């Protein structure tokens, strides 16, 4: 079953995919830095009425929760990454590495410590690889 991105159904499927990815369990085993909020900026043409965050609560190779919320409610996350829908689509389709995207200014780390993110490049890569396990329906397709 395809899940619209972004949506709570997509977030639920992503959480399940993360927790069944053995490579992520190994790559993310040392992550103890808290949640990451991935913010999709508002795009009325795509039906995204306000900046929307995917709150990814990851710890020691496990996804504790993955939920959608208004971006304003996600500012307590230790890490906040902001980008338009088209950029997140590129990340999900593995056309853009998120760490390279942050270094190039295509994704903006608006909160958090970039050297910490860089230290966990393999963990980040596995999180992206995991998106391929989610049957995603893109709003502009």
C-alpha atoms as a PDB file:
ATOM      1  CA  UNK A   1       0.000   0.000   0.000  1.00  0.00           C
ATOM      2  CA  UNK A   2       1.386   3.406  -1.000  1.00  0.00           C
ATOM      3  CA  UNK A   3       1.671   6.091   1.646  1.00  0.00           C
ATOM      4  CA  UNK A   4       1.476   9.805   0.866  1.00  0.00           C
ATOM      5  CA  UNK A   5       4.579  11.743   1.807  1.00  0.00           C
ATOM      6  CA  UNK A   6       4.394  13.503   4.195  1.00  0.00           C
ATOM      7  CA  UNK A   7       1.668  11.838   6.267  1.00  0.00           C
ATOM      8  CA  UNK A   8       1.301   9.966   9.536  1.00  0.00           C
ATOM      9  CA  UNK A   9       0.768   6.735   7.586  1.00  0.00           C
ATOM     10  CA  UNK A  10       4.143   7.297   5.880  1.00  0.00           C
ATOM     11  CA  UNK A  11       5.764   8.057   9.242  1.00  0.00           C
ATOM     12  CA  UNK A  12       4.342   4.844  10.757  1.00  0.00           C
ATOM     13  CA  UNK A  13       5.619   2.769   7.826  1.00  0.00           C
ATOM     14  CA  UNK A  14       9.029   4.473   8.085  1.00  0.00           C
ATOM     15  CA  UNK A  15       9.274   3.678  11.805  1.00  0.00           C
ATOM     16  CA  UNK A  16       8.500   0.011  11.120  1.00  0.00           C
ATOM     17  CA  UNK A  17      11.057  -0.061   8.292  1.00  0.00           C
ATOM     18  CA  UNK A  18      13.755   1.471  10.498  1.00  0.00           C
ATOM     19  CA  UNK A  19      13.134  -1.030  13.273  1.00  0.00           C
ATOM     20  CA  UNK A  20      13.466  -3.985  10.879  1.00  0.00           C
ATOM     21  CA  UNK A  21      16.655  -2.685   9.232  1.00  0.00           C
ATOM     22  CA  UNK A  22      19.525  -4.651  10.776  1.00  0.00           C
ATOM     23  CA  UNK A  23      22.131  -2.416   9.094  1.00  0.00           C
ATOM     24  CA  UNK A  24      20.599   0.650  10.785  1.00  0.00           C
ATOM     25  CA  UNK A  25      20.641  -1.090  14.179  1.00  0.00           C
ATOM     26  CA  UNK A  26      24.409  -1.459  13.807  1.00  0.00           C
ATOM     27  CA  UNK A  27      25.106   1.951  12.219  1.00  0.00           C
ATOM     28  CA  UNK A  28      22.888   3.844  14.675  1.00  0.00           C
ATOM     29  CA  UNK A  29      23.838   1.948  17.848  1.00  0.00           C
ATOM     30  CA  UNK A  30      25.901   4.862  19.214  1.00  0.00           C
ATOM     31  CA  UNK A  31      23.345   7.613  18.462  1.00  0.00           C
ATOM     32  CA  UNK A  32      22.177   9.007  21.813  1.00  0.00           C
ATOM     33  CA  UNK A  33      21.714  12.634  20.752  1.00  0.00           C
ATOM     34  CA  UNK A  34      17.927  12.712  20.625  1.00  0.00           C
ATOM     35  CA  UNK A  35      15.254  13.321  18.046  1.00  0.00           C
ATOM     36  CA  UNK A  36      15.678  14.761  14.582  1.00  0.00           C
ATOM     37  CA  UNK A  37      12.898  16.906  13.127  1.00  0.00           C
ATOM     38  CA  UNK A  38      12.806  16.920   9.342  1.00  0.00           C
ATOM     39  CA  UNK A  39      10.757  19.917   8.282  1.00  0.00           C
ATOM     40  CA  UNK A  40       8.967  20.084   4.940  1.00  0.00           C
ATOM     41  CA  UNK A  41       8.252  23.720   4.141  1.00  0.00           C
ATOM     42  CA  UNK A  42       4.753  24.869   3.284  1.00  0.00           C
ATOM     43  CA  UNK A  43       3.646  24.319  -0.314  1.00  0.00           C
ATOM     44  CA  UNK A  44      -0.032  25.071  -0.968  1.00  0.00           C
ATOM     45  CA  UNK A  45       0.178  23.652  -4.499  1.00  0.00           C
ATOM     46  CA  UNK A  46       1.011  20.253  -2.983  1.00  0.00           C
ATOM     47  CA  UNK A  47      -1.537  20.475  -0.184  1.00  0.00           C
ATOM     48  CA  UNK A  48       1.031  21.227   2.516  1.00  0.00           C
ATOM     49  CA  UNK A  49      -0.734  24.100   4.270  1.00  0.00           C
ATOM     50  CA  UNK A  50       1.982  24.822   6.842  1.00  0.00           C
ATOM     51  CA  UNK A  51       5.587  23.890   7.567  1.00  0.00           C
ATOM     52  CA  UNK A  52       5.303  20.271   8.679  1.00  0.00           C
ATOM     53  CA  UNK A  53       7.801  18.190  10.633  1.00  0.00           C
ATOM     54  CA  UNK A  54       8.538  14.508  10.711  1.00  0.00           C
ATOM     55  CA  UNK A  55       9.694  13.949  14.314  1.00  0.00           C
ATOM     56  CA  UNK A  56      12.100  11.019  14.283  1.00  0.00           C
ATOM     57  CA  UNK A  57      12.874   9.856  17.817  1.00  0.00           C
ATOM     58  CA  UNK A  58      15.879   7.592  17.356  1.00  0.00           C
ATOM     59  CA  UNK A  59      18.150   6.186  20.032  1.00  0.00           C
ATOM     60  CA  UNK A  60      20.807   3.453  19.992  1.00  0.00           C
ATOM     61  CA  UNK A  61      19.760   2.007  16.636  1.00  0.00           C
ATOM     62  CA  UNK A  62      16.046   2.019  17.352  1.00  0.00           C
ATOM     63  CA  UNK A  63      13.221   4.302  16.286  1.00  0.00           C
ATOM     64  CA  UNK A  64      11.119   4.960  19.379  1.00  0.00           C
ATOM     65  CA  UNK A  65       8.561   7.046  17.503  1.00  0.00           C
ATOM     66  CA  UNK A  66       8.007   8.749  14.207  1.00  0.00           C
ATOM     67  CA  UNK A  67       5.221  11.298  13.996  1.00  0.00           C
ATOM     68  CA  UNK A  68       4.009  14.202  11.930  1.00  0.00           C
ATOM     69  CA  UNK A  69       3.380  17.565  13.539  1.00  0.00           C
ATOM     70  CA  UNK A  70       3.352  21.273  12.736  1.00  0.00           C
ATOM     71  CA  UNK A  71       6.965  22.452  12.481  1.00  0.00           C
ATOM     72  CA  UNK A  72       6.410  24.995  15.258  1.00  0.00           C
ATOM     73  CA  UNK A  73       5.774  22.068  17.630  1.00  0.00           C
ATOM     74  CA  UNK A  74       9.030  20.325  16.643  1.00  0.00           C
ATOM     75  CA  UNK A  75      11.451  23.046  17.675  1.00  0.00           C
ATOM     76  CA  UNK A  76      12.329  21.172  20.878  1.00  0.00           C
ATOM     77  CA  UNK A  77      14.131  18.514  18.848  1.00  0.00           C
ATOM     78  CA  UNK A  78      17.910  18.641  19.328  1.00  0.00           C
ATOM     79  CA  UNK A  79      18.294  18.592  15.522  1.00  0.00           C
ATOM     80  CA  UNK A  80      16.053  20.378  13.028  1.00  0.00           C
ATOM     81  CA  UNK A  81      16.617  20.060   9.289  1.00  0.00           C
ATOM     82  CA  UNK A  82      14.517  22.199   6.933  1.00  0.00           C
ATOM     83  CA  UNK A  83      13.967  21.838   3.193  1.00  0.00           C
ATOM     84  CA  UNK A  84      11.244  22.167   0.584  1.00  0.00           C
ATOM     85  CA  UNK A  85       9.264  19.133  -0.512  1.00  0.00           C
ATOM     86  CA  UNK A  86      11.307  18.693  -3.716  1.00  0.00           C
ATOM     87  CA  UNK A  87      14.540  18.315  -1.709  1.00  0.00           C
ATOM     88  CA  UNK A  88      13.064  15.745   0.670  1.00  0.00           C
ATOM     89  CA  UNK A  89      11.772  13.854  -2.360  1.00  0.00           C
ATOM     90  CA  UNK A  90      15.350  13.781  -3.711  1.00  0.00           C
ATOM     91  CA  UNK A  91      16.576  12.415  -0.368  1.00  0.00           C
ATOM     92  CA  UNK A  92      13.897   9.699  -0.256  1.00  0.00           C
ATOM     93  CA  UNK A  93      14.655   8.688  -3.839  1.00  0.00           C
ATOM     94  CA  UNK A  94      18.382   8.552  -2.910  1.00  0.00           C
ATOM     95  CA  UNK A  95      19.212  11.286  -5.435  1.00  0.00           C
ATOM     96  CA  UNK A  96      20.590  13.570  -2.699  1.00  0.00           C
ATOM     97  CA  UNK A  97      22.715  12.496   0.249  1.00  0.00           C
ATOM     98  CA  UNK A  98      21.350  14.460   3.230  1.00  0.00           C
ATOM     99  CA  UNK A  99      24.743  15.285   4.719  1.00  0.00           C
ATOM    100  CA  UNK A 100      26.072  16.524   1.372  1.00  0.00           C
ATOM    101  CA  UNK A 101      22.797  18.392   0.962  1.00  0.00           C
ATOM    102  CA  UNK A 102      23.373  20.170   4.288  1.00  0.00           C
ATOM    103  CA  UNK A 103      26.966  21.002   3.331  1.00  0.00           C
ATOM    104  CA  UNK A 104      25.713  22.438   0.011  1.00  0.00           C
ATOM    105  CA  UNK A 105      22.901  24.421   1.640  1.00  0.00           C
ATOM    106  CA  UNK A 106      20.184  22.378  -0.079  1.00  0.00           C
ATOM    107  CA  UNK A 107      18.990  21.171   3.325  1.00  0.00           C
ATOM    108  CA  UNK A 108      19.334  23.582   6.233  1.00  0.00           C
ATOM    109  CA  UNK A 109      20.378  22.436   9.686  1.00  0.00           C
ATOM    110  CA  UNK A 110      18.587  25.148  11.666  1.00  0.00           C
ATOM    111  CA  UNK A 111      19.241  23.556  15.055  1.00  0.00           C
ATOM    112  CA  UNK A 112      21.885  21.094  16.156  1.00  0.00           C
ATOM    113  CA  UNK A 113      25.597  20.471  15.860  1.00  0.00           C
ATOM    114  CA  UNK A 114      26.798  19.747  12.312  1.00  0.00           C
ATOM    115  CA  UNK A 115      29.967  17.872  13.421  1.00  0.00           C
ATOM    116  CA  UNK A 116      27.723  15.469  15.381  1.00  0.00           C
ATOM    117  CA  UNK A 117      25.628  14.826  12.264  1.00  0.00           C
ATOM    118  CA  UNK A 118      28.769  14.251  10.177  1.00  0.00           C
ATOM    119  CA  UNK A 119      30.112  11.791  12.747  1.00  0.00           C
ATOM    120  CA  UNK A 120      27.055   9.598  12.115  1.00  0.00           C
ATOM    121  CA  UNK A 121      27.224   9.553   8.316  1.00  0.00           C
ATOM    122  CA  UNK A 122      26.701   5.769   8.153  1.00  0.00           C
ATOM    123  CA  UNK A 123      23.671   6.005  10.394  1.00  0.00           C
ATOM    124  CA  UNK A 124      22.263   8.772   8.198  1.00  0.00           C
ATOM    125  CA  UNK A 125      22.922   6.714   5.080  1.00  0.00           C
ATOM    126  CA  UNK A 126      21.016   3.758   6.541  1.00  0.00           C
ATOM    127  CA  UNK A 127      18.083   5.979   7.466  1.00  0.00           C
ATOM    128  CA  UNK A 128      17.945   7.118   3.834  1.00  0.00           C
ATOM    129  CA  UNK A 129      18.309   3.549   2.579  1.00  0.00           C
ATOM    130  CA  UNK A 130      15.378   2.647   4.806  1.00  0.00           C
ATOM    131  CA  UNK A 131      13.094   5.103   2.999  1.00  0.00           C
ATOM    132  CA  UNK A 132      13.312   2.786  -0.031  1.00  0.00           C
ATOM    133  CA  UNK A 133      11.448   0.198   2.056  1.00  0.00           C
ATOM    134  CA  UNK A 134       8.451   2.522   2.370  1.00  0.00           C
ATOM    135  CA  UNK A 135       6.021   2.387  -0.556  1.00  0.00           C
ATOM    136  CA  UNK A 136       5.868   6.148  -1.092  1.00  0.00           C
ATOM    137  CA  UNK A 137       3.327   8.099  -3.090  1.00  0.00           C
ATOM    138  CA  UNK A 138       4.649  11.548  -3.929  1.00  0.00           C
ATOM    139  CA  UNK A 139       2.133  14.378  -4.090  1.00  0.00           C
ATOM    140  CA  UNK A 140       3.530  15.773  -7.327  1.00  0.00           C
ATOM    141  CA  UNK A 141       3.661  12.451  -9.190  1.00  0.00           C
END
